[in-house]
């Protein structure tokens, strides 16, 4: 009986990794579409969001089966409960990748008023946080999860720098206002992705060491 349960837990881990990879790919495509002002690529991210939603439902189904068919001990319950919370955060990350791509469609018709180096870096840092959080869950690695939580400060600082740059551009020329506002929203979406990745890491710690989350 326990063997079957462990096999299902292994399946859960694999599906969590799959969903993490899907969301990572969405972020990668979203930032590429933004930088290249590629409407077709942006549209593909928006359309792929339904697949992320579907994967969330599949993982939730696995979790509910584990809860109903077996007699999970406390440690199992923490792992399953964490997975249910984590897929919600991953789904929100996928939503934000689609949100960024929606903004790209608005931004694709004129040159950018500034380089997007900080936004590109935000995308890179948040992808790292996402990957590390999923690895921490599968490997039961609290140190890796703790590093993710600390890393969120980097994303927050990049957002603050981007925000300040955009405000200065508006002060220099009010005609920059509309695009600056759109770019600020894009940066905010990446900042939120960082927050969700931090949530993932916090749920990993909860799943491993019994400490209350938050």
N, C-alpha and C. Protein backbone atom coordinates (compact mmCIF):
# COMPACT_ATOMS: atom_id res chain seq x y z
N UNK A 1 0.83 -1.21 0.00
CA UNK A 1 0.00 0.00 0.00
C UNK A 1 0.87 1.26 0.00
N UNK A 2 1.90 1.24 0.87
CA UNK A 2 2.80 2.40 0.93
C UNK A 2 3.58 2.55 -0.36
N UNK A 3 3.92 1.43 -0.98
CA UNK A 3 4.66 1.49 -2.24
C UNK A 3 3.87 2.23 -3.31
N UNK A 4 2.58 1.91 -3.39
CA UNK A 4 1.73 2.59 -4.37
C UNK A 4 1.63 4.08 -4.05
N UNK A 5 1.53 4.39 -2.77
CA UNK A 5 1.46 5.79 -2.35
C UNK A 5 2.73 6.53 -2.75
N UNK A 6 3.88 5.90 -2.53
CA UNK A 6 5.15 6.53 -2.89
C UNK A 6 5.27 6.71 -4.40
N UNK A 7 4.73 5.78 -5.14
CA UNK A 7 4.73 5.91 -6.62
C UNK A 7 3.89 7.11 -7.05
N UNK A 8 2.76 7.30 -6.38
CA UNK A 8 1.90 8.44 -6.70
C UNK A 8 2.55 9.77 -6.29
N UNK A 9 3.27 9.73 -5.17
CA UNK A 9 4.01 10.92 -4.76
C UNK A 9 5.09 11.26 -5.79
N UNK A 10 5.73 10.22 -6.32
CA UNK A 10 6.73 10.43 -7.36
C UNK A 10 6.11 11.04 -8.61
N UNK A 11 4.91 10.56 -8.95
CA UNK A 11 4.19 11.14 -10.08
C UNK A 11 3.86 12.61 -9.82
N UNK A 12 3.48 12.91 -8.58
CA UNK A 12 3.20 14.29 -8.22
C UNK A 12 4.43 15.17 -8.42
N UNK A 13 5.58 14.68 -7.97
CA UNK A 13 6.82 15.44 -8.15
C UNK A 13 7.12 15.69 -9.62
N UNK A 14 6.92 14.68 -10.43
CA UNK A 14 7.18 14.81 -11.86
C UNK A 14 6.25 15.84 -12.51
N UNK A 15 4.99 15.81 -12.12
CA UNK A 15 4.03 16.75 -12.68
C UNK A 15 4.31 18.18 -12.20
N UNK A 16 4.77 18.31 -10.96
CA UNK A 16 5.15 19.63 -10.46
C UNK A 16 6.31 20.19 -11.28
N UNK A 17 7.28 19.33 -11.59
CA UNK A 17 8.41 19.76 -12.41
C UNK A 17 7.95 20.14 -13.81
N UNK A 18 7.01 19.36 -14.34
CA UNK A 18 6.49 19.66 -15.68
C UNK A 18 5.81 21.02 -15.71
N UNK A 19 4.97 21.28 -14.70
CA UNK A 19 4.28 22.57 -14.65
C UNK A 19 5.27 23.70 -14.47
N UNK A 20 6.28 23.48 -13.62
CA UNK A 20 7.30 24.50 -13.44
C UNK A 20 8.01 24.82 -14.75
N UNK A 21 8.33 23.78 -15.53
CA UNK A 21 8.99 23.98 -16.82
C UNK A 21 8.08 24.72 -17.79
N UNK A 22 6.80 24.42 -17.76
CA UNK A 22 5.84 25.11 -18.63
C UNK A 22 5.79 26.60 -18.32
N UNK A 23 5.75 26.91 -17.03
CA UNK A 23 5.66 28.30 -16.63
C UNK A 23 6.97 29.03 -16.93
N UNK A 24 8.09 28.35 -16.71
CA UNK A 24 9.39 28.94 -17.04
C UNK A 24 9.44 29.29 -18.53
N UNK A 25 8.96 28.37 -19.36
CA UNK A 25 8.95 28.60 -20.81
C UNK A 25 8.08 29.80 -21.16
N UNK A 26 6.96 29.94 -20.45
CA UNK A 26 6.08 31.08 -20.70
C UNK A 26 6.79 32.40 -20.38
N UNK A 27 7.53 32.42 -19.26
CA UNK A 27 8.27 33.63 -18.91
C UNK A 27 9.33 33.92 -19.97
N UNK A 28 10.06 32.89 -20.38
CA UNK A 28 11.10 33.06 -21.39
C UNK A 28 10.53 33.65 -22.68
N UNK A 29 9.43 33.08 -23.13
CA UNK A 29 8.81 33.56 -24.37
C UNK A 29 8.24 34.96 -24.20
N UNK A 30 7.70 35.24 -23.02
CA UNK A 30 7.12 36.56 -22.78
C UNK A 30 8.18 37.65 -22.85
N UNK A 31 9.33 37.42 -22.23
CA UNK A 31 10.38 38.44 -22.25
C UNK A 31 10.98 38.55 -23.64
N UNK A 32 11.11 37.43 -24.34
CA UNK A 32 11.64 37.48 -25.71
C UNK A 32 10.69 38.27 -26.62
N UNK A 33 9.40 38.00 -26.48
CA UNK A 33 8.42 38.72 -27.29
C UNK A 33 8.45 40.21 -26.99
N UNK A 34 8.59 40.55 -25.72
CA UNK A 34 8.65 41.95 -25.32
C UNK A 34 9.87 42.63 -25.91
N UNK A 35 11.03 42.02 -25.77
CA UNK A 35 12.28 42.63 -26.24
C UNK A 35 12.29 42.79 -27.76
N UNK A 36 11.74 41.79 -28.46
CA UNK A 36 11.74 41.80 -29.92
C UNK A 36 10.49 42.46 -30.50
N UNK A 37 9.56 42.84 -29.62
CA UNK A 37 8.27 43.38 -30.06
C UNK A 37 7.60 42.42 -31.05
N UNK A 38 7.61 41.16 -30.68
CA UNK A 38 7.12 40.07 -31.54
C UNK A 38 5.68 39.73 -31.16
N UNK A 39 4.74 40.20 -31.94
CA UNK A 39 3.33 39.99 -31.64
C UNK A 39 2.93 38.52 -31.72
N UNK A 40 3.47 37.81 -32.69
CA UNK A 40 3.11 36.41 -32.87
C UNK A 40 3.56 35.58 -31.67
N UNK A 41 4.77 35.83 -31.19
CA UNK A 41 5.28 35.10 -30.04
C UNK A 41 4.47 35.46 -28.78
N UNK A 42 4.15 36.74 -28.65
CA UNK A 42 3.33 37.17 -27.50
C UNK A 42 1.98 36.46 -27.52
N UNK A 43 1.38 36.36 -28.68
CA UNK A 43 0.08 35.70 -28.80
C UNK A 43 0.18 34.23 -28.42
N UNK A 44 1.30 33.60 -28.75
CA UNK A 44 1.47 32.18 -28.42
C UNK A 44 1.54 31.97 -26.91
N UNK A 45 2.11 32.94 -26.18
CA UNK A 45 2.16 32.85 -24.71
C UNK A 45 0.74 32.96 -24.14
N UNK A 46 -0.02 33.87 -24.68
CA UNK A 46 -1.40 34.07 -24.22
C UNK A 46 -2.22 32.79 -24.44
N UNK A 47 -2.05 32.20 -25.62
CA UNK A 47 -2.82 31.00 -25.95
C UNK A 47 -2.38 29.80 -25.13
N UNK A 48 -1.09 29.74 -24.77
CA UNK A 48 -0.56 28.60 -24.01
C UNK A 48 -1.00 28.61 -22.56
N UNK A 49 -1.54 29.73 -22.09
CA UNK A 49 -1.92 29.83 -20.68
C UNK A 49 -2.98 28.80 -20.31
N UNK A 50 -3.80 28.42 -21.26
CA UNK A 50 -4.83 27.42 -20.99
C UNK A 50 -4.21 26.07 -20.65
N UNK A 51 -3.03 25.79 -21.21
CA UNK A 51 -2.34 24.53 -20.92
C UNK A 51 -1.80 24.51 -19.50
N UNK A 52 -1.36 25.68 -19.03
CA UNK A 52 -0.91 25.79 -17.65
C UNK A 52 -2.09 25.56 -16.70
N UNK A 53 -3.24 26.15 -17.03
CA UNK A 53 -4.44 25.96 -16.22
C UNK A 53 -4.84 24.47 -16.17
N UNK A 54 -4.71 23.82 -17.32
CA UNK A 54 -5.05 22.39 -17.39
C UNK A 54 -4.11 21.56 -16.52
N UNK A 55 -2.82 21.90 -16.57
CA UNK A 55 -1.84 21.16 -15.76
C UNK A 55 -2.11 21.36 -14.27
N UNK A 56 -2.53 22.55 -13.90
CA UNK A 56 -2.90 22.79 -12.50
C UNK A 56 -4.01 21.84 -12.07
N UNK A 57 -5.03 21.69 -12.89
CA UNK A 57 -6.15 20.80 -12.56
C UNK A 57 -5.70 19.35 -12.47
N UNK A 58 -4.78 18.95 -13.34
CA UNK A 58 -4.28 17.57 -13.30
C UNK A 58 -3.54 17.30 -11.99
N UNK A 59 -2.73 18.26 -11.56
CA UNK A 59 -1.97 18.08 -10.32
C UNK A 59 -2.92 18.08 -9.13
N UNK A 60 -3.90 18.95 -9.15
CA UNK A 60 -4.89 18.96 -8.06
C UNK A 60 -5.60 17.62 -7.98
N UNK A 61 -5.88 17.02 -9.12
CA UNK A 61 -6.54 15.71 -9.15
C UNK A 61 -5.67 14.65 -8.51
N UNK A 62 -4.37 14.67 -8.80
CA UNK A 62 -3.43 13.72 -8.18
C UNK A 62 -3.43 13.90 -6.67
N UNK A 63 -3.38 15.15 -6.24
CA UNK A 63 -3.37 15.44 -4.80
C UNK A 63 -4.62 14.91 -4.10
N UNK A 64 -5.77 15.14 -4.70
CA UNK A 64 -7.02 14.69 -4.09
C UNK A 64 -7.11 13.16 -4.05
N UNK A 65 -6.57 12.52 -5.08
CA UNK A 65 -6.54 11.06 -5.09
C UNK A 65 -5.66 10.53 -3.95
N UNK A 66 -4.52 11.18 -3.76
CA UNK A 66 -3.63 10.78 -2.67
C UNK A 66 -4.31 10.92 -1.32
N UNK A 67 -5.07 12.00 -1.18
CA UNK A 67 -5.74 12.24 0.09
C UNK A 67 -6.89 11.26 0.34
N UNK A 68 -7.57 10.87 -0.73
CA UNK A 68 -8.76 10.03 -0.58
C UNK A 68 -8.44 8.54 -0.56
N UNK A 69 -7.45 8.11 -1.33
CA UNK A 69 -7.21 6.69 -1.50
C UNK A 69 -6.26 6.10 -0.47
N UNK A 70 -5.51 6.93 0.19
CA UNK A 70 -4.50 6.43 1.11
C UNK A 70 -4.76 6.94 2.52
N UNK A 71 -3.84 6.59 3.41
CA UNK A 71 -3.88 7.07 4.79
C UNK A 71 -2.60 7.87 5.03
N UNK A 72 -2.53 9.09 4.52
CA UNK A 72 -1.28 9.84 4.62
C UNK A 72 -0.94 10.22 6.06
N UNK A 73 0.34 10.12 6.39
CA UNK A 73 0.80 10.58 7.70
C UNK A 73 1.00 12.10 7.62
N UNK A 74 1.36 12.70 8.76
CA UNK A 74 1.45 14.17 8.83
C UNK A 74 2.42 14.73 7.80
N UNK A 75 3.57 14.07 7.62
CA UNK A 75 4.55 14.57 6.66
C UNK A 75 4.01 14.52 5.23
N UNK A 76 3.25 13.47 4.92
CA UNK A 76 2.62 13.37 3.60
C UNK A 76 1.61 14.50 3.39
N UNK A 77 0.84 14.76 4.43
CA UNK A 77 -0.17 15.82 4.33
C UNK A 77 0.46 17.17 4.05
N UNK A 78 1.62 17.43 4.67
CA UNK A 78 2.30 18.70 4.42
C UNK A 78 2.75 18.80 2.97
N UNK A 79 3.29 17.69 2.45
CA UNK A 79 3.77 17.68 1.07
C UNK A 79 2.61 17.91 0.09
N UNK A 80 1.51 17.21 0.32
CA UNK A 80 0.35 17.32 -0.57
C UNK A 80 -0.29 18.72 -0.45
N UNK A 81 -0.42 19.19 0.76
CA UNK A 81 -1.00 20.53 0.97
C UNK A 81 -0.15 21.60 0.32
N UNK A 82 1.17 21.46 0.44
CA UNK A 82 2.08 22.43 -0.18
C UNK A 82 1.93 22.40 -1.70
N UNK A 83 1.81 21.21 -2.26
CA UNK A 83 1.65 21.09 -3.72
C UNK A 83 0.39 21.82 -4.19
N UNK A 84 -0.70 21.64 -3.44
CA UNK A 84 -1.96 22.30 -3.82
C UNK A 84 -1.82 23.82 -3.79
N UNK A 85 -1.07 24.33 -2.81
CA UNK A 85 -0.85 25.77 -2.74
C UNK A 85 0.11 26.24 -3.83
N UNK A 86 1.14 25.45 -4.08
CA UNK A 86 2.17 25.83 -5.05
C UNK A 86 1.63 25.91 -6.48
N UNK A 87 0.72 24.97 -6.83
CA UNK A 87 0.20 25.02 -8.21
C UNK A 87 -0.64 26.27 -8.43
N UNK A 88 -1.25 26.78 -7.36
CA UNK A 88 -1.99 28.04 -7.48
C UNK A 88 -1.04 29.18 -7.78
N UNK A 89 0.10 29.22 -7.08
CA UNK A 89 1.09 30.26 -7.35
C UNK A 89 1.69 30.11 -8.75
N UNK A 90 1.95 28.88 -9.16
CA UNK A 90 2.49 28.68 -10.51
C UNK A 90 1.48 29.11 -11.57
N UNK A 91 0.22 28.82 -11.32
CA UNK A 91 -0.82 29.25 -12.27
C UNK A 91 -0.86 30.77 -12.37
N UNK A 92 -0.68 31.44 -11.25
CA UNK A 92 -0.67 32.92 -11.26
C UNK A 92 0.56 33.44 -12.01
N UNK A 93 1.69 32.75 -11.87
CA UNK A 93 2.88 33.14 -12.64
C UNK A 93 2.58 33.02 -14.14
N UNK A 94 1.93 31.92 -14.52
CA UNK A 94 1.55 31.76 -15.92
C UNK A 94 0.62 32.87 -16.38
N UNK A 95 -0.32 33.26 -15.51
CA UNK A 95 -1.22 34.37 -15.84
C UNK A 95 -0.43 35.65 -16.08
N UNK A 96 0.57 35.90 -15.24
CA UNK A 96 1.35 37.14 -15.38
C UNK A 96 2.20 37.13 -16.65
N UNK A 97 2.69 35.95 -17.04
CA UNK A 97 3.41 35.85 -18.31
C UNK A 97 2.47 36.22 -19.46
N UNK A 98 1.22 35.76 -19.38
CA UNK A 98 0.22 36.13 -20.39
C UNK A 98 -0.11 37.62 -20.32
N UNK A 99 -0.17 38.15 -19.08
CA UNK A 99 -0.43 39.59 -18.92
C UNK A 99 0.67 40.42 -19.58
N UNK A 100 1.92 40.00 -19.39
CA UNK A 100 3.06 40.70 -20.00
C UNK A 100 2.94 40.65 -21.52
N UNK A 101 2.52 39.51 -22.03
CA UNK A 101 2.37 39.36 -23.48
C UNK A 101 1.22 40.22 -24.01
N UNK A 102 0.18 40.38 -23.21
CA UNK A 102 -0.90 41.30 -23.60
C UNK A 102 -0.35 42.72 -23.72
N UNK A 103 0.50 43.11 -22.77
CA UNK A 103 1.11 44.43 -22.82
C UNK A 103 2.02 44.56 -24.03
N UNK A 104 2.71 43.48 -24.39
CA UNK A 104 3.59 43.50 -25.56
C UNK A 104 2.81 43.84 -26.83
N UNK A 105 1.59 43.32 -26.93
CA UNK A 105 0.77 43.63 -28.10
C UNK A 105 0.49 45.13 -28.19
N UNK A 106 0.35 45.78 -27.03
CA UNK A 106 0.13 47.23 -27.02
C UNK A 106 1.41 48.00 -27.33
N UNK A 107 2.54 47.41 -26.97
CA UNK A 107 3.82 48.11 -27.06
C UNK A 107 4.58 47.83 -28.35
N UNK A 108 4.02 47.05 -29.23
CA UNK A 108 4.79 46.54 -30.37
C UNK A 108 4.82 47.47 -31.58
N UNK A 109 4.16 48.62 -31.48
CA UNK A 109 4.00 49.46 -32.68
C UNK A 109 4.88 50.70 -32.70
N UNK A 110 5.71 50.89 -31.68
CA UNK A 110 6.62 52.04 -31.70
C UNK A 110 7.88 51.69 -30.93
N UNK A 111 9.00 52.38 -31.24
CA UNK A 111 10.26 52.08 -30.56
C UNK A 111 10.14 52.34 -29.06
N UNK A 112 10.92 51.60 -28.27
CA UNK A 112 10.91 51.80 -26.84
C UNK A 112 11.62 53.10 -26.47
N UNK A 113 11.14 53.72 -25.42
CA UNK A 113 11.71 55.00 -24.97
C UNK A 113 12.97 54.78 -24.13
N UNK A 114 13.25 53.55 -23.77
CA UNK A 114 14.45 53.21 -23.01
C UNK A 114 14.82 51.76 -23.28
N UNK A 115 16.07 51.42 -22.98
CA UNK A 115 16.42 49.99 -23.08
C UNK A 115 15.74 49.24 -21.93
N UNK A 116 15.56 47.97 -22.15
CA UNK A 116 14.80 47.17 -21.19
C UNK A 116 15.71 46.24 -20.39
N UNK A 117 16.94 46.68 -20.15
CA UNK A 117 17.90 45.81 -19.46
C UNK A 117 17.43 45.39 -18.08
N UNK A 118 16.86 46.32 -17.31
CA UNK A 118 16.42 45.97 -15.96
C UNK A 118 15.24 45.00 -16.00
N UNK A 119 14.33 45.21 -16.94
CA UNK A 119 13.20 44.29 -17.07
C UNK A 119 13.67 42.92 -17.52
N UNK A 120 14.65 42.90 -18.44
CA UNK A 120 15.23 41.62 -18.87
C UNK A 120 15.86 40.90 -17.67
N UNK A 121 16.55 41.66 -16.83
CA UNK A 121 17.18 41.07 -15.65
C UNK A 121 16.14 40.56 -14.66
N UNK A 122 15.04 41.32 -14.51
CA UNK A 122 13.96 40.86 -13.64
C UNK A 122 13.43 39.51 -14.12
N UNK A 123 13.25 39.37 -15.42
CA UNK A 123 12.77 38.10 -15.98
C UNK A 123 13.73 36.97 -15.66
N UNK A 124 15.03 37.23 -15.82
CA UNK A 124 16.04 36.22 -15.55
C UNK A 124 16.04 35.80 -14.08
N UNK A 125 15.96 36.79 -13.20
CA UNK A 125 15.99 36.50 -11.76
C UNK A 125 14.74 35.73 -11.32
N UNK A 126 13.59 36.10 -11.85
CA UNK A 126 12.36 35.40 -11.45
C UNK A 126 12.32 33.98 -11.99
N UNK A 127 12.89 33.77 -13.19
CA UNK A 127 12.96 32.39 -13.70
C UNK A 127 13.85 31.55 -12.81
N UNK A 128 14.97 32.12 -12.37
CA UNK A 128 15.86 31.40 -11.46
C UNK A 128 15.13 31.04 -10.17
N UNK A 129 14.37 31.98 -9.63
CA UNK A 129 13.63 31.73 -8.39
C UNK A 129 12.61 30.61 -8.57
N UNK A 130 11.91 30.62 -9.70
CA UNK A 130 10.92 29.59 -9.99
C UNK A 130 11.57 28.21 -10.05
N UNK A 131 12.64 28.10 -10.83
CA UNK A 131 13.33 26.82 -11.00
C UNK A 131 13.84 26.29 -9.67
N UNK A 132 14.48 27.18 -8.90
CA UNK A 132 15.04 26.77 -7.63
C UNK A 132 13.96 26.33 -6.65
N UNK A 133 12.82 26.98 -6.69
CA UNK A 133 11.72 26.61 -5.78
C UNK A 133 11.20 25.22 -6.09
N UNK A 134 11.02 24.91 -7.37
CA UNK A 134 10.53 23.58 -7.75
C UNK A 134 11.57 22.52 -7.41
N UNK A 135 12.84 22.81 -7.67
CA UNK A 135 13.89 21.87 -7.31
C UNK A 135 13.92 21.65 -5.79
N UNK A 136 13.74 22.72 -5.04
CA UNK A 136 13.74 22.61 -3.58
C UNK A 136 12.61 21.71 -3.10
N UNK A 137 11.45 21.81 -3.75
CA UNK A 137 10.30 20.98 -3.39
C UNK A 137 10.61 19.51 -3.65
N UNK A 138 11.11 19.22 -4.84
CA UNK A 138 11.37 17.83 -5.22
C UNK A 138 12.50 17.24 -4.39
N UNK A 139 13.53 18.05 -4.14
CA UNK A 139 14.72 17.57 -3.42
C UNK A 139 14.58 17.71 -1.90
N UNK A 140 13.49 18.32 -1.46
CA UNK A 140 13.28 18.60 -0.02
C UNK A 140 14.46 19.38 0.56
N UNK A 141 14.80 20.46 -0.10
CA UNK A 141 15.99 21.24 0.22
C UNK A 141 15.59 22.61 0.77
N UNK A 142 15.59 22.74 2.10
CA UNK A 142 15.18 24.01 2.70
C UNK A 142 16.20 25.12 2.45
N UNK A 143 17.47 24.76 2.33
CA UNK A 143 18.50 25.78 2.07
C UNK A 143 18.24 26.45 0.72
N UNK A 144 17.94 25.64 -0.27
CA UNK A 144 17.65 26.18 -1.60
C UNK A 144 16.41 27.07 -1.56
N UNK A 145 15.41 26.65 -0.81
CA UNK A 145 14.19 27.45 -0.69
C UNK A 145 14.48 28.77 0.01
N UNK A 146 15.29 28.72 1.06
CA UNK A 146 15.64 29.93 1.80
C UNK A 146 16.40 30.92 0.90
N UNK A 147 17.25 30.40 0.03
CA UNK A 147 17.98 31.26 -0.90
C UNK A 147 17.02 31.98 -1.86
N UNK A 148 15.97 31.29 -2.26
CA UNK A 148 14.97 31.90 -3.14
C UNK A 148 14.30 33.08 -2.44
N UNK A 149 13.91 32.87 -1.20
CA UNK A 149 13.23 33.93 -0.44
C UNK A 149 14.13 35.16 -0.33
N UNK A 150 15.42 34.94 -0.04
CA UNK A 150 16.35 36.06 0.08
C UNK A 150 16.54 36.77 -1.27
N UNK A 151 16.41 36.00 -2.34
CA UNK A 151 16.64 36.53 -3.69
C UNK A 151 15.57 37.54 -4.11
N UNK A 152 14.44 37.49 -3.47
CA UNK A 152 13.34 38.39 -3.86
C UNK A 152 13.74 39.86 -3.72
N UNK A 153 14.67 40.16 -2.82
CA UNK A 153 15.13 41.53 -2.66
C UNK A 153 15.76 42.06 -3.95
N UNK A 154 16.43 41.18 -4.69
CA UNK A 154 17.06 41.59 -5.95
C UNK A 154 16.00 42.04 -6.94
N UNK A 155 14.93 41.27 -7.03
CA UNK A 155 13.83 41.62 -7.95
C UNK A 155 13.17 42.93 -7.51
N UNK A 156 12.94 43.07 -6.22
CA UNK A 156 12.33 44.31 -5.71
C UNK A 156 13.20 45.52 -6.02
N UNK A 157 14.51 45.37 -5.87
CA UNK A 157 15.41 46.49 -6.16
C UNK A 157 15.42 46.84 -7.64
N UNK A 158 15.38 45.83 -8.48
CA UNK A 158 15.32 46.08 -9.93
C UNK A 158 14.02 46.79 -10.30
N UNK A 159 12.94 46.41 -9.66
CA UNK A 159 11.66 47.09 -9.91
C UNK A 159 11.75 48.56 -9.50
N UNK A 160 12.34 48.81 -8.35
CA UNK A 160 12.46 50.18 -7.87
C UNK A 160 13.31 51.02 -8.84
N UNK A 161 14.38 50.44 -9.36
CA UNK A 161 15.24 51.16 -10.31
C UNK A 161 14.48 51.45 -11.60
N UNK A 162 13.76 50.45 -12.08
CA UNK A 162 12.97 50.62 -13.32
C UNK A 162 11.91 51.69 -13.13
N UNK A 163 11.23 51.66 -12.02
CA UNK A 163 10.19 52.64 -11.72
C UNK A 163 10.77 54.06 -11.71
N UNK A 164 11.92 54.23 -11.07
CA UNK A 164 12.54 55.55 -10.99
C UNK A 164 12.95 56.05 -12.37
N UNK A 165 13.51 55.16 -13.19
CA UNK A 165 13.91 55.53 -14.55
C UNK A 165 12.71 56.00 -15.37
N UNK A 166 11.62 55.27 -15.26
CA UNK A 166 10.42 55.60 -16.03
C UNK A 166 9.80 56.92 -15.57
N UNK A 167 9.82 57.17 -14.28
CA UNK A 167 9.31 58.44 -13.75
C UNK A 167 10.14 59.61 -14.29
N UNK A 168 11.45 59.42 -14.33
CA UNK A 168 12.33 60.48 -14.86
C UNK A 168 12.06 60.74 -16.33
N UNK A 169 11.78 59.67 -17.09
CA UNK A 169 11.48 59.84 -18.51
C UNK A 169 10.18 60.62 -18.71
N UNK A 170 9.21 60.39 -17.85
CA UNK A 170 7.95 61.14 -17.94
C UNK A 170 8.18 62.62 -17.61
N UNK A 171 9.02 62.88 -16.61
CA UNK A 171 9.32 64.26 -16.25
C UNK A 171 10.03 65.00 -17.38
N UNK A 172 10.87 64.27 -18.11
CA UNK A 172 11.61 64.89 -19.22
C UNK A 172 10.69 65.19 -20.40
N UNK A 173 9.73 64.32 -20.64
CA UNK A 173 8.85 64.48 -21.79
C UNK A 173 7.52 63.78 -21.49
N UNK A 174 6.47 64.57 -21.38
CA UNK A 174 5.16 64.01 -21.06
C UNK A 174 4.66 63.05 -22.13
N UNK A 175 5.19 63.18 -23.35
CA UNK A 175 4.80 62.27 -24.42
C UNK A 175 5.25 60.83 -24.15
N UNK A 176 6.18 60.69 -23.22
CA UNK A 176 6.63 59.35 -22.84
C UNK A 176 5.65 58.66 -21.89
N UNK A 177 4.65 59.40 -21.44
CA UNK A 177 3.81 58.92 -20.35
C UNK A 177 3.12 57.60 -20.61
N UNK A 178 2.49 57.45 -21.78
CA UNK A 178 1.70 56.24 -22.03
C UNK A 178 2.58 55.00 -22.06
N UNK A 179 3.68 55.06 -22.82
CA UNK A 179 4.55 53.89 -22.91
C UNK A 179 5.24 53.61 -21.57
N UNK A 180 5.63 54.67 -20.88
CA UNK A 180 6.27 54.49 -19.57
C UNK A 180 5.34 53.78 -18.60
N UNK A 181 4.08 54.14 -18.65
CA UNK A 181 3.09 53.50 -17.78
C UNK A 181 2.94 52.03 -18.12
N UNK A 182 2.93 51.72 -19.42
CA UNK A 182 2.83 50.32 -19.84
C UNK A 182 4.05 49.52 -19.40
N UNK A 183 5.25 50.10 -19.56
CA UNK A 183 6.47 49.41 -19.16
C UNK A 183 6.53 49.23 -17.64
N UNK A 184 6.01 50.20 -16.93
CA UNK A 184 5.96 50.07 -15.47
C UNK A 184 5.05 48.91 -15.08
N UNK A 185 3.96 48.74 -15.80
CA UNK A 185 3.05 47.63 -15.52
C UNK A 185 3.74 46.29 -15.81
N UNK A 186 4.51 46.24 -16.90
CA UNK A 186 5.26 45.02 -17.21
C UNK A 186 6.23 44.70 -16.08
N UNK A 187 6.96 45.72 -15.62
CA UNK A 187 7.90 45.51 -14.51
C UNK A 187 7.17 45.04 -13.26
N UNK A 188 5.98 45.59 -13.03
CA UNK A 188 5.19 45.18 -11.86
C UNK A 188 4.78 43.72 -11.96
N UNK A 189 4.45 43.27 -13.16
CA UNK A 189 4.10 41.86 -13.33
C UNK A 189 5.28 40.96 -12.97
N UNK A 190 6.48 41.35 -13.39
CA UNK A 190 7.66 40.56 -13.04
C UNK A 190 7.91 40.60 -11.53
N UNK A 191 7.67 41.74 -10.92
CA UNK A 191 7.83 41.84 -9.48
C UNK A 191 6.85 40.90 -8.78
N UNK A 192 5.64 40.80 -9.31
CA UNK A 192 4.65 39.88 -8.74
C UNK A 192 5.05 38.43 -8.95
N UNK A 193 5.65 38.13 -10.10
CA UNK A 193 6.15 36.78 -10.34
C UNK A 193 7.18 36.41 -9.28
N UNK A 194 8.04 37.38 -8.95
CA UNK A 194 9.00 37.15 -7.87
C UNK A 194 8.32 36.86 -6.55
N UNK A 195 7.24 37.57 -6.27
CA UNK A 195 6.48 37.32 -5.03
C UNK A 195 5.89 35.92 -5.02
N UNK A 196 5.36 35.48 -6.16
CA UNK A 196 4.79 34.13 -6.22
C UNK A 196 5.88 33.07 -6.08
N UNK A 197 7.05 33.32 -6.66
CA UNK A 197 8.16 32.38 -6.51
C UNK A 197 8.58 32.30 -5.05
N UNK A 198 8.53 33.43 -4.36
CA UNK A 198 8.83 33.44 -2.92
C UNK A 198 7.79 32.61 -2.17
N UNK A 199 6.53 32.75 -2.54
CA UNK A 199 5.49 31.92 -1.93
C UNK A 199 5.79 30.44 -2.12
N UNK A 200 6.23 30.09 -3.32
CA UNK A 200 6.57 28.69 -3.60
C UNK A 200 7.62 28.19 -2.61
N UNK A 201 8.65 29.01 -2.43
CA UNK A 201 9.74 28.61 -1.53
C UNK A 201 9.24 28.48 -0.09
N UNK A 202 8.35 29.38 0.32
CA UNK A 202 7.80 29.30 1.68
C UNK A 202 6.99 28.02 1.88
N UNK A 203 6.25 27.62 0.83
CA UNK A 203 5.48 26.38 0.93
C UNK A 203 6.40 25.17 0.95
N UNK A 204 7.54 25.26 0.28
CA UNK A 204 8.51 24.18 0.34
C UNK A 204 8.98 23.99 1.78
N UNK A 205 9.33 25.09 2.44
CA UNK A 205 9.78 25.00 3.83
C UNK A 205 8.69 24.43 4.72
N UNK A 206 7.47 24.87 4.51
CA UNK A 206 6.33 24.32 5.26
C UNK A 206 6.23 22.81 5.06
N UNK A 207 6.43 22.36 3.83
CA UNK A 207 6.25 20.93 3.52
C UNK A 207 7.31 20.06 4.17
N UNK A 208 8.42 20.67 4.55
CA UNK A 208 9.56 19.88 5.03
C UNK A 208 9.69 19.89 6.55
N UNK A 209 9.57 21.06 7.16
CA UNK A 209 10.04 21.13 8.55
C UNK A 209 9.00 21.52 9.60
N UNK A 210 7.71 21.47 9.24
CA UNK A 210 6.62 21.64 10.20
C UNK A 210 6.44 23.08 10.68
N UNK A 211 7.34 23.97 10.32
CA UNK A 211 7.16 25.33 10.82
C UNK A 211 5.96 25.98 10.15
N UNK A 212 5.21 26.81 10.88
CA UNK A 212 4.07 27.48 10.25
C UNK A 212 4.53 28.43 9.18
N UNK A 213 3.79 28.44 8.07
CA UNK A 213 4.14 29.32 6.96
C UNK A 213 3.90 30.77 7.34
N UNK A 214 4.76 31.69 6.79
CA UNK A 214 4.54 33.11 6.93
C UNK A 214 5.34 33.73 8.02
